[in-house]
Protein backbone atom coordinates (compact mmCIF):
# COMPACT_ATOMS: atom_id res chain seq x y z
CA MET A 1 6.43 -22.91 19.66
CA ALA A 2 5.56 -19.69 22.19
CA GLY A 3 8.70 -17.55 20.45
CA HIS A 4 7.69 -18.33 16.88
CA GLN A 5 3.81 -17.23 17.63
CA HIS A 6 5.21 -14.22 19.45
CA THR A 7 7.41 -13.41 16.19
CA GLU A 8 4.16 -13.90 14.20
CA ILE A 9 2.20 -11.60 16.04
CA ASP A 10 4.61 -9.05 16.27
CA GLY A 11 4.35 -9.41 12.59
CA TRP A 12 0.88 -8.79 12.48
CA ALA A 13 0.80 -6.00 14.69
CA ASN A 14 3.26 -4.48 12.33
CA ARG A 15 1.17 -4.56 9.45
CA PHE A 16 -1.89 -3.49 11.15
CA ALA A 17 0.05 -0.57 12.34
CA LEU A 18 1.01 0.39 8.61
CA LEU A 19 -2.75 0.43 7.56
CA SER A 20 -3.65 2.53 10.95
CA ASP A 21 -2.18 5.37 9.16
CA SER A 22 -4.95 7.25 7.06
CA THR A 23 -2.11 8.64 4.75
CA ARG A 24 -0.78 5.27 4.01
CA LEU A 25 -4.56 3.53 3.68
CA SER A 26 -5.27 6.85 1.16
CA LEU A 27 -2.39 5.68 -0.71
CA LEU A 28 -3.20 1.88 -1.23
CA THR A 29 -6.81 2.50 -1.99
CA HIS A 30 -5.76 4.92 -4.81
CA MET A 31 -3.39 2.46 -5.86
CA HIS A 32 -6.08 0.21 -5.83
CA GLU A 33 -8.40 1.91 -7.88
CA HIS A 34 -5.44 3.34 -10.22
CA PRO A 35 -2.88 0.79 -10.53
CA GLY A 36 0.19 2.08 -11.99
CA ALA A 37 -0.21 5.59 -10.41
CA THR A 38 2.92 7.82 -10.13
CA VAL A 39 4.33 9.27 -6.77
CA SER A 40 2.79 12.58 -8.09
CA GLU A 41 -0.74 11.27 -8.80
CA LEU A 42 -0.70 9.35 -5.29
CA ALA A 43 0.58 12.41 -3.31
CA ASP A 44 -2.26 14.61 -4.93
CA ALA A 45 -4.91 12.01 -4.32
CA ALA A 46 -3.85 11.91 -0.72
CA SER A 47 -3.27 15.91 -0.24
CA ILE A 48 0.21 15.39 0.72
CA THR A 49 3.67 16.10 -0.73
CA GLU A 50 5.43 13.89 -2.95
CA ASN A 51 8.26 13.54 -0.43
CA ALA A 52 5.84 12.22 1.80
CA ALA A 53 4.25 9.90 -0.34
CA SER A 54 7.56 8.56 -1.18
CA GLN A 55 7.98 7.92 2.35
CA SER A 56 4.83 6.23 2.98
CA LEU A 57 5.51 3.86 -0.53
CA ARG A 58 8.82 2.80 1.02
CA ALA A 59 6.99 1.40 4.09
CA LEU A 60 4.37 -0.54 1.96
CA ARG A 61 7.09 -2.04 -0.34
CA ALA A 62 9.13 -3.14 2.52
CA GLN A 63 6.11 -4.94 3.85
CA GLY A 64 5.64 -6.61 0.18
CA TRP A 65 2.63 -4.84 -0.41
CA VAL A 66 3.49 -2.59 -3.00
CA THR A 67 5.72 -3.04 -6.07
CA THR A 68 6.95 -0.65 -9.14
CA THR A 69 7.70 -0.60 -12.43
CA LYS A 70 9.85 1.80 -14.26
CA SER A 71 8.76 3.61 -17.48
CA GLY A 72 11.75 5.50 -18.37
CA ARG A 73 12.30 8.05 -15.55
CA THR A 74 8.78 7.39 -14.10
CA VAL A 75 7.94 4.94 -11.56
CA HIS A 76 4.46 3.50 -11.26
CA TYR A 77 3.15 2.03 -8.17
CA ARG A 78 0.70 -1.13 -7.99
CA ILE A 79 -0.84 -3.18 -5.07
CA VAL A 80 0.44 -6.72 -5.01
CA PRO A 81 -2.24 -8.64 -5.99
CA ASP A 82 -1.67 -11.86 -3.68
CA ALA A 83 -0.76 -9.23 -0.68
CA ILE A 84 -2.82 -9.77 2.45
CA VAL A 85 -3.53 -5.76 1.93
CA HIS A 86 -5.54 -6.70 -1.36
CA ARG A 87 -7.63 -8.84 0.87
CA ILE A 88 -8.29 -6.68 3.56
CA LEU A 89 -9.33 -3.46 0.99
CA HIS A 90 -12.07 -5.59 -0.52
CA ASP A 91 -13.04 -7.55 2.51
CA ILE A 92 -12.80 -4.98 5.38
CA MET A 93 -13.17 -1.92 3.44
CA GLY A 94 -15.70 -3.14 0.34
CA ALA A 95 -13.13 -1.90 -2.29
CA GLU A 96 -13.88 -2.92 -5.80
CA HIS A 97 -11.77 -2.68 -9.17
CA HIS A 98 -13.19 -0.53 -11.43
CA ARG A 99 -13.16 -1.22 -15.01
CA HIS A 100 -11.43 1.20 -17.60
């Protein structure tokens, strides 16, 4: 059991490390407010290059927090609704959904 618990703790530490980066957190909060945002929109919102945004988005997708859909050649990014990061945005950061 100790080995399994250690692995689980390492997994949580990695998740929190992802959130400790202000760029990734900025991307997540923008996606939360604007589901379906493009890399260009996300990069502008975080004041970073599209290449830097793409790199951060890859890490968030690998964690299973972000999903994509394609419309032609354009990729749209969304937070996975049941991902723990969605709950963190609401419960810890006080994020709310904006009605359009």
